[in-house]
Amino acid sequence: MNTSIGPLAGKRILVTRPKEQAEPLISLIQENAGVPLSFPIVSINGVRNDDSQSTLKNLSSFQWIVFTSKNGVDYFFQLIHDYNVSLNSVKFAAVGEKTAESLRDRGITTILVPEHYHAESLVKTLKNHVLAHERVLFPKGNLAPSFIKEELKETAFVEELVVYKTESEDHLDWSLVYQADCLFFMSPSAVTFLSKGLNTEEVYKKPVICVGPTTKSAAEKCGFHHVLMPKQFTAEDMVNCAISYFQGGS
């Protein structure tokens, strides 16, 4: 790739995604002549314990399973495979198309997806479809907020199930953060973990691009000065947001 020709023209973009999930975003940056700097500060691992085994053995008691991330889908299905649990006549909801795509990859074709890809829109959509007597299972990460459970508590019973754990990765090259022209954040935890490791205000002046409103709010609370967010919450739109910024469009 000739990084002198293209819409990102050699701009150094810090990618904070876990290594196993970063390749599509890195490729998009390179396709637009940017220079991706891999900084996988987030580490994600599955959770398997007595709670998960007990809940999944009673999976037939739930009418809905709701996902707010691809990680939730991946680690949930890993658990039901490990425990040899069958999915019967359960309904599925996903926060956005990327999460829904992970479900479709597993043969699930009927998925409730909100018009706007964020938790608030998902809750609003669920309230129009979930019946008062129905039980909802919400597979999530250990750091995910209980927003869905709280918002639906007057509508239906919601049980949360932690299926993966998000932790800060050690032994990273922090010089990359200071070399970057722009930072990409795909989760609030990435924002928090990175901020805890900073020892200068310099980085807070760099433009950051966040995948959605929750991540954007975390970046603003941590003190970043120039926080941007695409209209659609995908990797492709984040790259386009960076292009717009560096070309003077935002």
Protein backbone atom coordinates (compact mmCIF):
# COMPACT_ATOMS: atom_id res chain seq x y z
CA MET A 1 0.00 0.00 0.00
CA ASN A 2 1.30 3.42 -0.99
CA THR A 3 0.49 5.45 2.10
CA SER A 4 1.18 8.74 0.31
CA ILE A 5 -1.86 8.36 -1.96
CA GLY A 6 -5.35 7.94 -0.58
CA PRO A 7 -7.94 9.66 1.64
CA LEU A 8 -6.07 8.88 4.86
CA ALA A 9 -2.66 9.62 3.26
CA GLY A 10 -0.33 8.12 5.84
CA LYS A 11 -2.37 9.07 8.89
CA ARG A 12 -1.51 6.85 11.84
CA ILE A 13 -4.66 5.34 13.35
CA LEU A 14 -4.51 3.65 16.75
CA VAL A 15 -6.67 0.51 16.73
CA THR A 16 -7.63 -0.56 20.26
CA ARG A 17 -9.59 -3.70 19.35
CA PRO A 18 -8.49 -7.15 20.56
CA LYS A 19 -6.04 -8.77 18.12
CA GLU A 20 -8.46 -11.48 17.05
CA GLN A 21 -11.09 -8.89 16.07
CA ALA A 22 -8.95 -6.10 14.62
CA GLU A 23 -8.04 -7.41 11.17
CA PRO A 24 -11.12 -6.13 9.23
CA LEU A 25 -10.66 -2.62 10.67
CA ILE A 26 -6.91 -2.68 10.02
CA SER A 27 -7.56 -3.69 6.40
CA LEU A 28 -10.04 -0.86 5.90
CA ILE A 29 -7.52 1.67 7.20
CA GLN A 30 -4.83 0.31 4.91
CA GLU A 31 -7.17 0.34 1.89
CA ASN A 32 -7.56 4.07 2.43
CA ALA A 33 -3.78 4.64 2.71
CA GLY A 34 -3.81 4.97 6.49
CA VAL A 35 -1.25 3.40 8.81
CA PRO A 36 -2.92 1.23 11.47
CA LEU A 37 -1.17 1.03 14.82
CA SER A 38 -2.29 -2.13 16.60
CA PHE A 39 -2.81 -1.43 20.30
CA PRO A 40 -5.08 -4.23 21.61
CA ILE A 41 -5.68 -2.86 25.06
CA VAL A 42 -8.85 -4.90 25.48
CA SER A 43 -8.63 -8.62 26.24
CA ILE A 44 -11.81 -10.71 26.01
CA ASN A 45 -12.25 -14.22 27.36
CA GLY A 46 -15.23 -16.50 27.81
CA VAL A 47 -16.80 -17.10 31.22
CA ARG A 48 -17.90 -20.58 32.23
CA ASN A 49 -19.17 -21.24 35.75
CA ASP A 50 -22.02 -22.72 37.79
CA ASP A 51 -24.29 -19.76 37.02
CA SER A 52 -23.97 -20.21 33.27
CA GLN A 53 -24.52 -23.95 33.49
CA SER A 54 -27.62 -23.52 35.68
CA THR A 55 -29.14 -20.83 33.46
CA LEU A 56 -28.52 -22.67 30.21
CA LYS A 57 -29.99 -25.91 31.54
CA ASN A 58 -33.20 -23.91 31.97
CA LEU A 59 -32.93 -22.17 28.61
CA SER A 60 -36.35 -23.45 27.53
CA SER A 61 -37.96 -21.20 30.16
CA PHE A 62 -37.00 -18.08 28.17
CA GLN A 63 -39.01 -16.69 25.27
CA TRP A 64 -36.40 -14.12 24.17
CA ILE A 65 -32.62 -13.91 23.96
CA VAL A 66 -31.24 -10.39 23.49
CA PHE A 67 -27.73 -9.54 22.30
CA THR A 68 -25.98 -6.19 22.33
CA SER A 69 -22.65 -7.33 20.86
CA LYS A 70 -21.05 -9.89 18.58
CA ASN A 71 -18.99 -11.04 21.55
CA GLY A 72 -22.20 -11.86 23.40
CA VAL A 73 -23.34 -14.00 20.48
CA ASP A 74 -19.99 -15.78 20.08
CA TYR A 75 -19.48 -16.70 23.71
CA PHE A 76 -23.14 -17.59 24.32
CA PHE A 77 -23.13 -20.07 21.46
CA GLN A 78 -19.82 -21.46 22.65
CA LEU A 79 -21.45 -22.20 26.00
CA ILE A 80 -24.54 -23.88 24.60
CA HIS A 81 -22.24 -25.99 22.43
CA ASP A 82 -20.10 -26.94 25.45
CA TYR A 83 -23.16 -27.80 27.53
CA ASN A 84 -24.93 -29.50 24.61
CA VAL A 85 -28.02 -27.30 25.03
CA SER A 86 -30.64 -27.08 22.29
CA LEU A 87 -32.39 -23.89 21.16
CA ASN A 88 -36.11 -24.41 20.85
CA SER A 89 -38.79 -21.87 19.94
CA VAL A 90 -37.00 -18.82 21.29
CA LYS A 91 -37.10 -15.35 19.74
CA PHE A 92 -33.97 -13.30 19.12
CA ALA A 93 -33.20 -9.59 19.24
CA ALA A 94 -29.95 -7.84 18.32
CA VAL A 95 -28.78 -4.28 18.84
CA GLY A 96 -27.62 -3.86 15.23
CA GLU A 97 -26.86 -5.49 11.92
CA LYS A 98 -23.35 -6.67 12.81
CA THR A 99 -24.68 -8.51 15.85
CA ALA A 100 -27.61 -9.85 13.82
CA GLU A 101 -25.18 -11.04 11.15
CA SER A 102 -23.43 -13.19 13.76
CA LEU A 103 -26.78 -14.82 14.53
CA ARG A 104 -27.53 -15.39 10.85
CA ASP A 105 -24.17 -17.09 10.48
CA ARG A 106 -25.55 -19.65 12.94
CA GLY A 107 -28.70 -20.26 10.94
CA ILE A 108 -31.02 -17.89 12.79
CA THR A 109 -33.08 -15.96 10.27
CA THR A 110 -35.79 -14.20 12.30
CA ILE A 111 -34.16 -11.46 14.39
CA LEU A 112 -35.67 -8.32 15.86
CA VAL A 113 -33.36 -5.39 15.06
CA PRO A 114 -34.14 -1.76 16.00
CA GLU A 115 -34.17 1.09 13.49
CA HIS A 116 -31.21 2.74 15.19
CA TYR A 117 -28.31 0.58 16.34
CA HIS A 118 -28.00 1.44 20.02
CA ALA A 119 -29.35 0.17 23.34
CA GLU A 120 -32.00 2.86 23.78
CA SER A 121 -33.56 2.04 20.41
CA LEU A 122 -33.36 -1.67 21.15
CA VAL A 123 -35.23 -1.24 24.43
CA LYS A 124 -37.92 0.84 22.75
CA THR A 125 -38.36 -1.86 20.10
CA LEU A 126 -38.47 -4.65 22.66
CA LYS A 127 -41.18 -2.89 24.65
CA ASN A 128 -43.37 -3.10 21.55
CA HIS A 129 -42.81 -6.85 21.13
CA VAL A 130 -42.12 -8.50 24.49
CA LEU A 131 -45.22 -9.58 26.38
CA ALA A 132 -45.63 -9.07 30.12
CA HIS A 133 -45.45 -12.78 30.98
CA GLU A 134 -42.36 -13.47 28.85
CA ARG A 135 -38.85 -14.13 30.15
CA VAL A 136 -35.83 -12.50 28.52
CA LEU A 137 -32.24 -13.73 28.68
CA PHE A 138 -29.50 -11.14 28.16
CA PRO A 139 -26.04 -12.70 27.57
CA LYS A 140 -23.45 -9.96 28.19
CA GLY A 141 -19.93 -9.05 29.21
CA ASN A 142 -18.92 -8.40 32.80
CA LEU A 143 -18.61 -4.65 32.17
CA ALA A 144 -21.83 -4.20 30.20
CA PRO A 145 -24.38 -2.02 32.01
CA SER A 146 -27.74 -3.37 33.19
CA PHE A 147 -29.60 -0.84 31.06
CA ILE A 148 -31.81 -3.38 29.29
CA LYS A 149 -32.76 -5.14 32.51
CA GLU A 150 -33.61 -1.87 34.23
CA GLU A 151 -35.60 -0.48 31.32
CA LEU A 152 -37.62 -3.66 30.82
CA LYS A 153 -38.29 -4.48 34.48
CA GLU A 154 -41.82 -3.06 34.25
CA THR A 155 -42.45 -4.99 31.03
CA ALA A 156 -40.98 -8.46 31.52
CA PHE A 157 -38.55 -10.54 33.58
CA VAL A 158 -34.95 -10.14 32.38
CA GLU A 159 -32.11 -12.37 33.53
CA GLU A 160 -28.54 -11.33 32.79
CA LEU A 161 -25.90 -13.94 32.05
CA VAL A 162 -22.22 -12.97 31.94
CA VAL A 163 -20.70 -14.99 29.09
CA TYR A 164 -17.42 -13.12 28.62
CA LYS A 165 -15.00 -11.03 30.64
CA THR A 166 -13.33 -7.84 29.44
CA GLU A 167 -9.95 -6.98 30.94
CA SER A 168 -7.06 -4.63 30.23
CA GLU A 169 -4.17 -6.11 28.26
CA ASP A 170 -0.67 -5.73 29.66
CA HIS A 171 2.74 -5.43 27.97
CA LEU A 172 1.76 -3.00 25.22
CA ASP A 173 3.96 -0.49 23.41
CA TRP A 174 2.58 2.77 24.79
CA SER A 175 4.77 4.82 22.46
CA LEU A 176 2.23 3.98 19.72
CA VAL A 177 -0.43 6.03 21.51
CA TYR A 178 1.74 9.14 21.31
CA GLN A 179 2.65 8.49 17.66
CA ALA A 180 -0.98 8.24 16.57
CA ASP A 181 -2.78 10.98 14.65
CA CYS A 182 -6.16 9.56 15.61
CA LEU A 183 -7.55 6.98 18.05
CA PHE A 184 -10.31 4.45 17.29
CA PHE A 185 -12.43 3.18 20.18
CA MET A 186 -14.87 0.30 19.75
CA SER A 187 -16.00 0.06 23.39
CA PRO A 188 -16.20 2.12 26.60
CA SER A 189 -13.78 -0.31 28.25
CA ALA A 190 -11.11 0.51 25.65
CA VAL A 191 -11.50 4.20 26.48
CA THR A 192 -11.27 3.58 30.22
CA PHE A 193 -8.32 1.20 30.04
CA LEU A 194 -6.32 3.52 27.79
CA SER A 195 -7.05 6.60 29.88
CA LYS A 196 -5.79 4.87 33.02
CA GLY A 197 -2.42 4.34 31.35
CA LEU A 198 -1.88 7.91 30.17
CA ASN A 199 0.55 10.17 31.99
CA THR A 200 0.22 13.32 29.87
CA GLU A 201 -2.54 15.57 28.56
CA GLU A 202 -1.10 15.43 25.04
CA VAL A 203 -3.14 12.42 23.95
CA TYR A 204 -6.42 13.97 25.07
CA LYS A 205 -6.02 16.60 22.36
CA LYS A 206 -5.92 14.00 19.57
CA PRO A 207 -9.13 13.29 17.62
CA VAL A 208 -10.88 10.10 18.69
CA ILE A 209 -13.56 8.24 16.76
CA CYS A 210 -16.05 6.15 18.72
CA VAL A 211 -18.25 3.37 17.40
CA GLY A 212 -21.42 4.47 19.22
CA PRO A 213 -23.01 6.78 21.80
CA THR A 214 -21.96 4.79 24.89
CA THR A 215 -18.33 4.76 23.81
CA LYS A 216 -18.57 8.43 22.80
CA SER A 217 -19.92 9.33 26.24
CA ALA A 218 -17.06 7.44 27.91
CA ALA A 219 -14.48 9.33 25.82
CA GLU A 220 -16.04 12.67 26.69
CA LYS A 221 -16.15 11.82 30.40
CA CYS A 222 -12.47 10.81 30.29
CA GLY A 223 -11.58 14.24 28.93
CA PHE A 224 -10.86 13.77 25.23
CA HIS A 225 -11.30 17.11 23.46
CA HIS A 226 -12.29 16.04 19.94
CA VAL A 227 -14.73 13.15 20.07
CA LEU A 228 -16.38 12.05 16.82
CA MET A 229 -18.96 9.38 16.03
CA PRO A 230 -20.32 8.13 12.69
CA LYS A 231 -24.05 8.08 11.98
CA GLN A 232 -23.95 4.31 11.50
CA PHE A 233 -22.03 2.33 14.10
CA THR A 234 -19.79 0.16 11.93
CA ALA A 235 -16.05 -0.12 11.26
CA GLU A 236 -16.60 1.11 7.70
CA ASP A 237 -18.36 4.23 8.92
CA MET A 238 -15.66 4.90 11.50
CA VAL A 239 -13.06 4.91 8.73
CA ASN A 240 -15.26 7.22 6.66
CA CYS A 241 -15.60 9.49 9.68
CA ALA A 242 -11.80 9.66 9.94
CA ILE A 243 -11.56 10.46 6.24
CA SER A 244 -14.09 13.26 6.63
CA TYR A 245 -12.22 14.66 9.63
CA PHE A 246 -8.80 14.70 8.01
CA GLN A 247 -10.20 16.15 4.80
CA GLY A 248 -11.76 18.99 6.75
CA GLY A 249 -15.34 17.74 6.66
CA SER A 250 -15.89 17.72 10.42
